[in-house]
PDB file of all heavy atoms in Angstrom:
ATOM      1  N   SER A   1       0.813  -1.231   0.057  1.00  0.00           N
ATOM      2  CA  SER A   1       0.020  -0.006   0.058  1.00  0.00           C
ATOM      3  C   SER A   1       0.829   1.269  -0.034  1.00  0.00           C
ATOM      4  O   SER A   1       0.356   2.381  -0.241  1.00  0.00           O
ATOM      5  CB  SER A   1      -0.941   0.031   1.238  1.00  0.00           C
ATOM      6  OG  SER A   1      -0.246   0.008   2.408  1.00  0.00           O
ATOM      7  N   GLY A   2       2.146   1.143   0.328  1.00  0.00           N
ATOM      8  CA  GLY A   2       3.007   2.347   0.382  1.00  0.00           C
ATOM      9  C   GLY A   2       2.943   3.122   1.650  1.00  0.00           C
ATOM     10  O   GLY A   2       3.595   4.067   1.799  1.00  0.00           O
ATOM     11  N   ASP A   3       2.226   2.587   2.670  1.00  0.00           N
ATOM     12  CA  ASP A   3       2.048   3.237   3.960  1.00  0.00           C
ATOM     13  C   ASP A   3       3.169   2.903   4.951  1.00  0.00           C
ATOM     14  O   ASP A   3       3.231   3.498   5.973  1.00  0.00           O
ATOM     15  CB  ASP A   3       0.695   3.071   4.606  1.00  0.00           C
ATOM     16  CG  ASP A   3       0.341   1.564   4.811  1.00  0.00           C
ATOM     17  OD1 ASP A   3       1.077   0.707   4.376  1.00  0.00           O
ATOM     18  OD2 ASP A   3      -0.609   1.305   5.375  1.00  0.00           O
ATOM     19  N   SER A   4       3.915   1.866   4.638  1.00  0.00           N
ATOM     20  CA  SER A   4       4.993   1.488   5.564  1.00  0.00           C
ATOM     21  C   SER A   4       6.391   1.562   4.789  1.00  0.00           C
ATOM     22  O   SER A   4       6.495   0.831   3.777  1.00  0.00           O
ATOM     23  CB  SER A   4       4.836   0.047   6.113  1.00  0.00           C
ATOM     24  OG  SER A   4       3.726   0.024   6.948  1.00  0.00           O
ATOM     25  N   LEU A   5       7.270   2.344   5.163  1.00  0.00           N
ATOM     26  CA  LEU A   5       8.512   2.616   4.503  1.00  0.00           C
ATOM     27  C   LEU A   5       9.678   2.425   5.540  1.00  0.00           C
ATOM     28  O   LEU A   5       9.655   2.907   6.588  1.00  0.00           O
ATOM     29  CB  LEU A   5       8.596   4.097   4.034  1.00  0.00           C
ATOM     30  CG  LEU A   5       7.463   4.497   3.118  1.00  0.00           C
ATOM     31  CD1 LEU A   5       7.558   5.984   2.807  1.00  0.00           C
ATOM     32  CD2 LEU A   5       7.391   3.638   1.793  1.00  0.00           C
ATOM     33  N   TYR A   6      10.630   1.650   5.114  1.00  0.00           N
ATOM     34  CA  TYR A   6      11.821   1.378   5.894  1.00  0.00           C
ATOM     35  C   TYR A   6      13.087   1.839   5.175  1.00  0.00           C
ATOM     36  O   TYR A   6      13.158   1.686   3.841  1.00  0.00           O
ATOM     37  CB  TYR A   6      12.019  -0.069   6.218  1.00  0.00           C
ATOM     38  CG  TYR A   6      11.003  -0.708   7.093  1.00  0.00           C
ATOM     39  CD1 TYR A   6      10.946  -2.048   7.230  1.00  0.00           C
ATOM     40  CD2 TYR A   6      10.140   0.115   7.863  1.00  0.00           C
ATOM     41  CE1 TYR A   6       9.983  -2.649   8.096  1.00  0.00           C
ATOM     42  CE2 TYR A   6       9.182  -0.499   8.733  1.00  0.00           C
ATOM     43  CZ  TYR A   6       9.171  -1.875   8.802  1.00  0.00           C
ATOM     44  OH  TYR A   6       8.209  -2.395   9.718  1.00  0.00           O
ATOM     45  N   TYR A   7      14.017   2.497   5.847  1.00  0.00           N
ATOM     46  CA  TYR A   7      15.277   2.938   5.255  1.00  0.00           C
ATOM     47  C   TYR A   7      16.390   2.560   6.100  1.00  0.00           C
ATOM     48  O   TYR A   7      16.338   2.532   7.300  1.00  0.00           O
ATOM     49  CB  TYR A   7      15.290   4.425   5.009  1.00  0.00           C
ATOM     50  CG  TYR A   7      14.209   4.963   4.121  1.00  0.00           C
ATOM     51  CD1 TYR A   7      13.071   5.462   4.512  1.00  0.00           C
ATOM     52  CD2 TYR A   7      14.478   5.079   2.712  1.00  0.00           C
ATOM     53  CE1 TYR A   7      12.046   5.989   3.680  1.00  0.00           C
ATOM     54  CE2 TYR A   7      13.524   5.487   1.750  1.00  0.00           C
ATOM     55  CZ  TYR A   7      12.333   5.929   2.315  1.00  0.00           C
ATOM     56  OH  TYR A   7      11.357   6.427   1.500  1.00  0.00           O
ATOM     57  N   SER A   8      17.563   2.302   5.459  1.00  0.00           N
ATOM     58  CA  SER A   8      18.821   2.119   6.184  1.00  0.00           C
ATOM     59  C   SER A   8      19.219   3.484   6.739  1.00  0.00           C
ATOM     60  O   SER A   8      18.871   4.592   6.145  1.00  0.00           O
ATOM     61  CB  SER A   8      19.869   1.575   5.358  1.00  0.00           C
ATOM     62  OG  SER A   8      20.310   2.450   4.308  1.00  0.00           O
ATOM     63  N   ASP A   9      20.010   3.485   7.820  1.00  0.00           N
ATOM     64  CA  ASP A   9      20.410   4.823   8.379  1.00  0.00           C
ATOM     65  C   ASP A   9      21.205   5.576   7.452  1.00  0.00           C
ATOM     66  O   ASP A   9      21.284   6.899   7.457  1.00  0.00           O
ATOM     67  CB  ASP A   9      21.194   4.583   9.699  1.00  0.00           C
ATOM     68  CG  ASP A   9      20.309   4.014  10.777  1.00  0.00           C
ATOM     69  OD1 ASP A   9      19.090   4.157  10.742  1.00  0.00           O
ATOM     70  OD2 ASP A   9      20.850   3.394  11.768  1.00  0.00           O
ATOM     71  N   SER A  10      21.953   4.930   6.599  1.00  0.00           N
ATOM     72  CA  SER A  10      22.869   5.687   5.696  1.00  0.00           C
ATOM     73  C   SER A  10      22.209   6.465   4.572  1.00  0.00           C
ATOM     74  O   SER A  10      22.747   7.351   3.975  1.00  0.00           O
ATOM     75  CB  SER A  10      23.976   4.657   5.090  1.00  0.00           C
ATOM     76  OG  SER A  10      23.265   3.725   4.281  1.00  0.00           O
ATOM     77  N   VAL A  11      20.948   6.022   4.264  1.00  0.00           N
ATOM     78  CA  VAL A  11      20.305   6.650   3.181  1.00  0.00           C
ATOM     79  C   VAL A  11      19.059   7.487   3.615  1.00  0.00           C
ATOM     80  O   VAL A  11      18.463   8.271   2.840  1.00  0.00           O
ATOM     81  CB  VAL A  11      19.809   5.631   2.145  1.00  0.00           C
ATOM     82  CG1 VAL A  11      21.020   4.819   1.601  1.00  0.00           C
ATOM     83  CG2 VAL A  11      18.702   4.789   2.597  1.00  0.00           C
ATOM     84  N   LYS A  12      18.728   7.353   4.823  1.00  0.00           N
ATOM     85  CA  LYS A  12      17.561   8.095   5.328  1.00  0.00           C
ATOM     86  C   LYS A  12      17.747   9.595   5.163  1.00  0.00           C
ATOM     87  O   LYS A  12      18.820  10.127   5.539  1.00  0.00           O
ATOM     88  CB  LYS A  12      17.289   7.739   6.839  1.00  0.00           C
ATOM     89  CG  LYS A  12      15.991   8.302   7.415  1.00  0.00           C
ATOM     90  CD  LYS A  12      15.825   7.855   8.841  1.00  0.00           C
ATOM     91  CE  LYS A  12      15.714   6.329   8.929  1.00  0.00           C
ATOM     92  NZ  LYS A  12      15.536   5.866  10.330  1.00  0.00           N
ATOM     93  N   GLY A  13      16.748  10.203   4.554  1.00  0.00           N
ATOM     94  CA  GLY A  13      16.798  11.632   4.372  1.00  0.00           C
ATOM     95  C   GLY A  13      17.310  11.986   2.975  1.00  0.00           C
ATOM     96  O   GLY A  13      17.194  13.148   2.515  1.00  0.00           O
ATOM     97  N   ARG A  14      17.919  11.041   2.357  1.00  0.00           N
ATOM     98  CA  ARG A  14      18.446  11.250   0.961  1.00  0.00           C
ATOM     99  C   ARG A  14      17.745  10.470  -0.121  1.00  0.00           C
ATOM    100  O   ARG A  14      17.580  10.956  -1.208  1.00  0.00           O
ATOM    101  CB  ARG A  14      19.945  10.836   0.888  1.00  0.00           C
ATOM    102  CG  ARG A  14      20.853  11.690   1.900  1.00  0.00           C
ATOM    103  CD  ARG A  14      22.298  11.461   1.623  1.00  0.00           C
ATOM    104  NE  ARG A  14      22.609  10.010   1.911  1.00  0.00           N
ATOM    105  CZ  ARG A  14      23.221   9.228   1.038  1.00  0.00           C
ATOM    106  NH1 ARG A  14      23.391   9.616  -0.260  1.00  0.00           N
ATOM    107  NH2 ARG A  14      23.444   7.930   1.296  1.00  0.00           N
ATOM    108  N   PHE A  15      17.325   9.204   0.269  1.00  0.00           N
ATOM    109  CA  PHE A  15      16.628   8.351  -0.650  1.00  0.00           C
ATOM    110  C   PHE A  15      15.212   8.281  -0.350  1.00  0.00           C
ATOM    111  O   PHE A  15      14.797   8.344   0.839  1.00  0.00           O
ATOM    112  CB  PHE A  15      17.243   6.929  -0.655  1.00  0.00           C
ATOM    113  CG  PHE A  15      18.587   6.785  -1.186  1.00  0.00           C
ATOM    114  CD1 PHE A  15      19.387   7.974  -1.555  1.00  0.00           C
ATOM    115  CD2 PHE A  15      19.170   5.511  -1.276  1.00  0.00           C
ATOM    116  CE1 PHE A  15      20.625   7.832  -2.028  1.00  0.00           C
ATOM    117  CE2 PHE A  15      20.475   5.429  -1.835  1.00  0.00           C
ATOM    118  CZ  PHE A  15      21.211   6.582  -2.084  1.00  0.00           C
ATOM    119  N   THR A  16      14.301   8.038  -1.365  1.00  0.00           N
ATOM    120  CA  THR A  16      12.887   7.899  -1.132  1.00  0.00           C
ATOM    121  C   THR A  16      12.385   6.707  -1.913  1.00  0.00           C
ATOM    122  O   THR A  16      12.652   6.693  -3.188  1.00  0.00           O
ATOM    123  CB  THR A  16      12.147   9.212  -1.470  1.00  0.00           C
ATOM    124  OG1 THR A  16      12.590  10.230  -0.766  1.00  0.00           O
ATOM    125  CG2 THR A  16      10.659   8.886  -1.298  1.00  0.00           C
ATOM    126  N   ILE A  17      11.785   5.719  -1.346  1.00  0.00           N
ATOM    127  CA  ILE A  17      11.174   4.585  -2.068  1.00  0.00           C
ATOM    128  C   ILE A  17       9.778   4.888  -2.307  1.00  0.00           C
ATOM    129  O   ILE A  17       9.040   5.431  -1.408  1.00  0.00           O
ATOM    130  CB  ILE A  17      11.405   3.292  -1.247  1.00  0.00           C
ATOM    131  CG1 ILE A  17      10.970   2.137  -2.173  1.00  0.00           C
ATOM    132  CG2 ILE A  17      10.717   3.282   0.041  1.00  0.00           C
ATOM    133  CD1 ILE A  17      11.380   0.758  -1.556  1.00  0.00           C
ATOM    134  N   SER A  18       9.258   4.489  -3.375  1.00  0.00           N
ATOM    135  CA  SER A  18       7.801   4.678  -3.709  1.00  0.00           C
ATOM    136  C   SER A  18       7.452   3.564  -4.724  1.00  0.00           C
ATOM    137  O   SER A  18       8.304   2.798  -5.212  1.00  0.00           O
ATOM    138  CB  SER A  18       7.555   6.086  -4.308  1.00  0.00           C
ATOM    139  OG  SER A  18       8.300   6.252  -5.554  1.00  0.00           O
ATOM    140  N   ARG A  19       6.172   3.508  -5.070  1.00  0.00           N
ATOM    141  CA  ARG A  19       5.671   2.565  -5.997  1.00  0.00           C
ATOM    142  C   ARG A  19       4.362   3.055  -6.605  1.00  0.00           C
ATOM    143  O   ARG A  19       3.610   3.860  -6.100  1.00  0.00           O
ATOM    144  CB  ARG A  19       5.459   1.219  -5.201  1.00  0.00           C
ATOM    145  CG  ARG A  19       4.335   1.206  -4.342  1.00  0.00           C
ATOM    146  CD  ARG A  19       4.373  -0.116  -3.441  1.00  0.00           C
ATOM    147  NE  ARG A  19       4.288  -1.295  -4.319  1.00  0.00           N
ATOM    148  CZ  ARG A  19       4.542  -2.512  -3.829  1.00  0.00           C
ATOM    149  NH1 ARG A  19       4.937  -2.730  -2.657  1.00  0.00           N
ATOM    150  NH2 ARG A  19       4.478  -3.555  -4.736  1.00  0.00           N
ATOM    151  N   ASP A  20       4.114   2.466  -7.769  1.00  0.00           N
ATOM    152  CA  ASP A  20       2.988   2.794  -8.522  1.00  0.00           C
ATOM    153  C   ASP A  20       2.349   1.483  -8.988  1.00  0.00           C
ATOM    154  O   ASP A  20       2.816   0.826  -9.879  1.00  0.00           O
ATOM    155  CB  ASP A  20       3.229   3.680  -9.795  1.00  0.00           C
ATOM    156  CG  ASP A  20       1.942   4.075 -10.533  1.00  0.00           C
ATOM    157  OD1 ASP A  20       0.913   3.427 -10.332  1.00  0.00           O
ATOM    158  OD2 ASP A  20       2.078   5.064 -11.301  1.00  0.00           O
ATOM    159  N   ASN A  21       1.342   1.031  -8.202  1.00  0.00           N
ATOM    160  CA  ASN A  21       0.881  -0.335  -8.457  1.00  0.00           C
ATOM    161  C   ASN A  21       0.187  -0.430  -9.733  1.00  0.00           C
ATOM    162  O   ASN A  21      -0.029  -1.567 -10.335  1.00  0.00           O
ATOM    163  CB  ASN A  21      -0.039  -0.759  -7.277  1.00  0.00           C
ATOM    164  CG  ASN A  21       0.766  -0.993  -5.980  1.00  0.00           C
ATOM    165  OD1 ASN A  21       1.891  -1.202  -6.050  1.00  0.00           O
ATOM    166  ND2 ASN A  21       0.072  -0.977  -4.889  1.00  0.00           N
ATOM    167  N   THR A  22      -0.353   0.618 -10.258  1.00  0.00           N
ATOM    168  CA  THR A  22      -0.988   0.500 -11.557  1.00  0.00           C
ATOM    169  C   THR A  22      -0.033   0.252 -12.685  1.00  0.00           C
ATOM    170  O   THR A  22      -0.395  -0.389 -13.668  1.00  0.00           O
ATOM    171  CB  THR A  22      -1.805   1.876 -11.913  1.00  0.00           C
ATOM    172  OG1 THR A  22      -0.805   2.919 -11.986  1.00  0.00           O
ATOM    173  CG2 THR A  22      -2.825   2.132 -10.826  1.00  0.00           C
ATOM    174  N   LYS A  23       1.211   0.611 -12.473  1.00  0.00           N
ATOM    175  CA  LYS A  23       2.264   0.311 -13.390  1.00  0.00           C
ATOM    176  C   LYS A  23       3.118  -0.841 -12.970  1.00  0.00           C
ATOM    177  O   LYS A  23       4.074  -1.255 -13.726  1.00  0.00           O
ATOM    178  CB  LYS A  23       3.150   1.528 -13.665  1.00  0.00           C
ATOM    179  CG  LYS A  23       2.478   2.839 -14.086  1.00  0.00           C
ATOM    180  CD  LYS A  23       3.453   4.002 -14.257  1.00  0.00           C
ATOM    181  CE  LYS A  23       2.790   5.215 -14.773  1.00  0.00           C
ATOM    182  NZ  LYS A  23       3.706   6.321 -14.919  1.00  0.00           N
ATOM    183  N   ARG A  24       2.841  -1.396 -11.878  1.00  0.00           N
ATOM    184  CA  ARG A  24       3.564  -2.473 -11.303  1.00  0.00           C
ATOM    185  C   ARG A  24       5.088  -2.197 -11.229  1.00  0.00           C
ATOM    186  O   ARG A  24       5.973  -2.965 -11.636  1.00  0.00           O
ATOM    187  CB  ARG A  24       3.377  -3.829 -12.062  1.00  0.00           C
ATOM    188  CG  ARG A  24       1.863  -4.166 -12.089  1.00  0.00           C
ATOM    189  CD  ARG A  24       1.677  -5.688 -12.496  1.00  0.00           C
ATOM    190  NE  ARG A  24       2.146  -5.938 -13.854  1.00  0.00           N
ATOM    191  CZ  ARG A  24       2.104  -7.085 -14.401  1.00  0.00           C
ATOM    192  NH1 ARG A  24       1.564  -8.126 -13.737  1.00  0.00           N
ATOM    193  NH2 ARG A  24       2.491  -7.299 -15.644  1.00  0.00           N
ATOM    194  N   THR A  25       5.381  -0.991 -10.757  1.00  0.00           N
ATOM    195  CA  THR A  25       6.680  -0.486 -10.697  1.00  0.00           C
ATOM    196  C   THR A  25       7.053   0.204  -9.389  1.00  0.00           C
ATOM    197  O   THR A  25       6.221   0.888  -8.786  1.00  0.00           O
ATOM    198  CB  THR A  25       6.892   0.548 -11.844  1.00  0.00           C
ATOM    199  OG1 THR A  25       6.676  -0.052 -13.112  1.00  0.00           O
ATOM    200  CG2 THR A  25       8.418   1.096 -11.850  1.00  0.00           C
ATOM    201  N   ALA A  26       8.216  -0.170  -8.890  1.00  0.00           N
ATOM    202  CA  ALA A  26       8.718   0.514  -7.723  1.00  0.00           C
ATOM    203  C   ALA A  26       9.884   1.390  -8.053  1.00  0.00           C
ATOM    204  O   ALA A  26      10.528   1.236  -9.116  1.00  0.00           O
ATOM    205  CB  ALA A  26       9.222  -0.508  -6.687  1.00  0.00           C
ATOM    206  N   TYR A  27      10.141   2.433  -7.223  1.00  0.00           N
ATOM    207  CA  TYR A  27      11.099   3.401  -7.563  1.00  0.00           C
ATOM    208  C   TYR A  27      11.968   3.684  -6.389  1.00  0.00           C
ATOM    209  O   TYR A  27      11.584   3.484  -5.219  1.00  0.00           O
ATOM    210  CB  TYR A  27      10.501   4.783  -7.986  1.00  0.00           C
ATOM    211  CG  TYR A  27       9.493   4.671  -9.086  1.00  0.00           C
ATOM    212  CD1 TYR A  27       8.128   4.524  -8.877  1.00  0.00           C
ATOM    213  CD2 TYR A  27       9.878   4.707 -10.407  1.00  0.00           C
ATOM    214  CE1 TYR A  27       7.225   4.384  -9.907  1.00  0.00           C
ATOM    215  CE2 TYR A  27       9.013   4.637 -11.431  1.00  0.00           C
ATOM    216  CZ  TYR A  27       7.641   4.470 -11.161  1.00  0.00           C
ATOM    217  OH  TYR A  27       6.782   4.385 -12.251  1.00  0.00           O
ATOM    218  N   LEU A  28      13.206   4.133  -6.607  1.00  0.00           N
ATOM    219  CA  LEU A  28      14.140   4.587  -5.632  1.00  0.00           C
ATOM    220  C   LEU A  28      14.737   5.929  -6.071  1.00  0.00           C
ATOM    221  O   LEU A  28      15.504   5.906  -6.941  1.00  0.00           O
ATOM    222  CB  LEU A  28      15.194   3.562  -5.316  1.00  0.00           C
ATOM    223  CG  LEU A  28      16.138   4.000  -4.199  1.00  0.00           C
ATOM    224  CD1 LEU A  28      15.387   3.928  -2.836  1.00  0.00           C
ATOM    225  CD2 LEU A  28      17.380   3.012  -4.063  1.00  0.00           C
ATOM    226  N   GLN A  29      14.186   7.013  -5.466  1.00  0.00           N
ATOM    227  CA  GLN A  29      14.763   8.287  -5.771  1.00  0.00           C
ATOM    228  C   GLN A  29      15.926   8.515  -4.962  1.00  0.00           C
ATOM    229  O   GLN A  29      15.883   8.507  -3.685  1.00  0.00           O
ATOM    230  CB  GLN A  29      13.742   9.411  -5.548  1.00  0.00           C
ATOM    231  CG  GLN A  29      14.207  10.817  -5.768  1.00  0.00           C
ATOM    232  CD  GLN A  29      14.515  11.053  -7.171  1.00  0.00           C
ATOM    233  OE1 GLN A  29      13.689  10.721  -8.147  1.00  0.00           O
ATOM    234  NE2 GLN A  29      15.626  11.618  -7.541  1.00  0.00           N
ATOM    235  N   MET A  30      17.160   8.782  -5.516  1.00  0.00           N
ATOM    236  CA  MET A  30      18.360   8.852  -4.852  1.00  0.00           C
ATOM    237  C   MET A  30      18.883  10.297  -5.032  1.00  0.00           C
ATOM    238  O   MET A  30      19.266  10.702  -6.072  1.00  0.00           O
ATOM    239  CB  MET A  30      19.431   7.809  -5.446  1.00  0.00           C
ATOM    240  CG  MET A  30      18.820   6.417  -5.494  1.00  0.00           C
ATOM    241  SD  MET A  30      19.822   5.343  -6.480  1.00  0.00           S
ATOM    242  CE  MET A  30      21.259   5.130  -5.343  1.00  0.00           C
ATOM    243  N   ASN A  31      18.925  10.998  -3.968  1.00  0.00           N
ATOM    244  CA  ASN A  31      19.420  12.402  -3.930  1.00  0.00           C
ATOM    245  C   ASN A  31      20.687  12.568  -3.101  1.00  0.00           C
ATOM    246  O   ASN A  31      20.975  11.655  -2.260  1.00  0.00           O
ATOM    247  CB  ASN A  31      18.372  13.390  -3.386  1.00  0.00           C
ATOM    248  CG  ASN A  31      17.057  13.337  -4.258  1.00  0.00           C
ATOM    249  OD1 ASN A  31      17.136  13.230  -5.417  1.00  0.00           O
ATOM    250  ND2 ASN A  31      15.930  13.617  -3.544  1.00  0.00           N
ATOM    251  N   SER A  32      21.443  13.675  -3.300  1.00  0.00           N
ATOM    252  CA  SER A  32      22.630  13.916  -2.576  1.00  0.00           C
ATOM    253  C   SER A  32      23.534  12.571  -2.559  1.00  0.00           C
ATOM    254  O   SER A  32      24.093  12.269  -1.492  1.00  0.00           O
ATOM    255  CB  SER A  32      22.254  14.325  -1.090  1.00  0.00           C
ATOM    256  OG  SER A  32      21.397  15.445  -1.157  1.00  0.00           O
ATOM    257  N   LEU A  33      23.714  12.143  -3.742  1.00  0.00           N
ATOM    258  CA  LEU A  33      24.551  10.990  -3.763  1.00  0.00           C
ATOM    259  C   LEU A  33      26.024  11.230  -3.499  1.00  0.00           C
ATOM    260  O   LEU A  33      26.595  12.308  -3.714  1.00  0.00           O
ATOM    261  CB  LEU A  33      24.448  10.333  -5.173  1.00  0.00           C
ATOM    262  CG  LEU A  33      23.169   9.669  -5.570  1.00  0.00           C
ATOM    263  CD1 LEU A  33      23.071   9.497  -7.002  1.00  0.00           C
ATOM    264  CD2 LEU A  33      23.156   8.287  -4.810  1.00  0.00           C
ATOM    265  N   ASN A  34      26.689  10.280  -2.838  1.00  0.00           N
ATOM    266  CA  ASN A  34      28.075  10.407  -2.540  1.00  0.00           C
ATOM    267  C   ASN A  34      28.764   9.162  -3.036  1.00  0.00           C
ATOM    268  O   ASN A  34      28.079   8.100  -3.346  1.00  0.00           O
ATOM    269  CB  ASN A  34      28.303  10.585  -1.031  1.00  0.00           C
ATOM    270  CG  ASN A  34      27.735   9.491  -0.123  1.00  0.00           C
ATOM    271  OD1 ASN A  34      28.128   8.452  -0.223  1.00  0.00           O
ATOM    272  ND2 ASN A  34      26.751   9.872   0.613  1.00  0.00           N
ATOM    273  N   PRO A  35      30.092   9.177  -3.159  1.00  0.00           N
ATOM    274  CA  PRO A  35      30.848   7.978  -3.659  1.00  0.00           C
ATOM    275  C   PRO A  35      30.560   6.722  -2.863  1.00  0.00           C
ATOM    276  O   PRO A  35      30.682   5.639  -3.461  1.00  0.00           O
ATOM    277  CB  PRO A  35      32.305   8.373  -3.549  1.00  0.00           C
ATOM    278  CG  PRO A  35      32.267   9.879  -3.727  1.00  0.00           C
ATOM    279  CD  PRO A  35      30.995  10.292  -2.950  1.00  0.00           C
ATOM    280  N   GLU A  36      30.272   6.813  -1.590  1.00  0.00           N
ATOM    281  CA  GLU A  36      29.936   5.632  -0.806  1.00  0.00           C
ATOM    282  C   GLU A  36      28.684   4.963  -1.245  1.00  0.00           C
ATOM    283  O   GLU A  36      28.485   3.746  -0.869  1.00  0.00           O
ATOM    284  CB  GLU A  36      29.870   5.972   0.623  1.00  0.00           C
ATOM    285  CG  GLU A  36      31.179   6.358   1.285  1.00  0.00           C
ATOM    286  CD  GLU A  36      31.733   7.666   0.816  1.00  0.00           C
ATOM    287  OE1 GLU A  36      30.933   8.645   0.593  1.00  0.00           O
ATOM    288  OE2 GLU A  36      33.005   7.804   0.656  1.00  0.00           O
ATOM    289  N   ASP A  37      27.869   5.606  -2.009  1.00  0.00           N
ATOM    290  CA  ASP A  37      26.652   5.004  -2.552  1.00  0.00           C
ATOM    291  C   ASP A  37      26.921   4.138  -3.773  1.00  0.00           C
ATOM    292  O   ASP A  37      25.976   3.454  -4.266  1.00  0.00           O
ATOM    293  CB  ASP A  37      25.625   6.065  -2.937  1.00  0.00           C
ATOM    294  CG  ASP A  37      25.185   6.851  -1.725  1.00  0.00           C
ATOM    295  OD1 ASP A  37      24.892   6.277  -0.598  1.00  0.00           O
ATOM    296  OD2 ASP A  37      25.008   8.107  -1.857  1.00  0.00           O
ATOM    297  N   THR A  38      28.091   4.153  -4.338  1.00  0.00           N
ATOM    298  CA  THR A  38      28.346   3.398  -5.397  1.00  0.00           C
ATOM    299  C   THR A  38      28.182   1.930  -5.137  1.00  0.00           C
ATOM    300  O   THR A  38      28.724   1.328  -4.283  1.00  0.00           O
ATOM    301  CB  THR A  38      29.856   3.571  -5.894  1.00  0.00           C
ATOM    302  OG1 THR A  38      30.033   4.924  -6.336  1.00  0.00           O
ATOM    303  CG2 THR A  38      30.223   2.653  -7.041  1.00  0.00           C
TER     304      THR A  38
END
């Protein structure tokens, strides 16, 4: 349903997970990327 979201401490505040069930697709918006995210 998208009402429960979990994040690792290292990405919290920078990444956002979402989904569109009509498209059967999940997303990960990754902002403020740093080399450690490689």
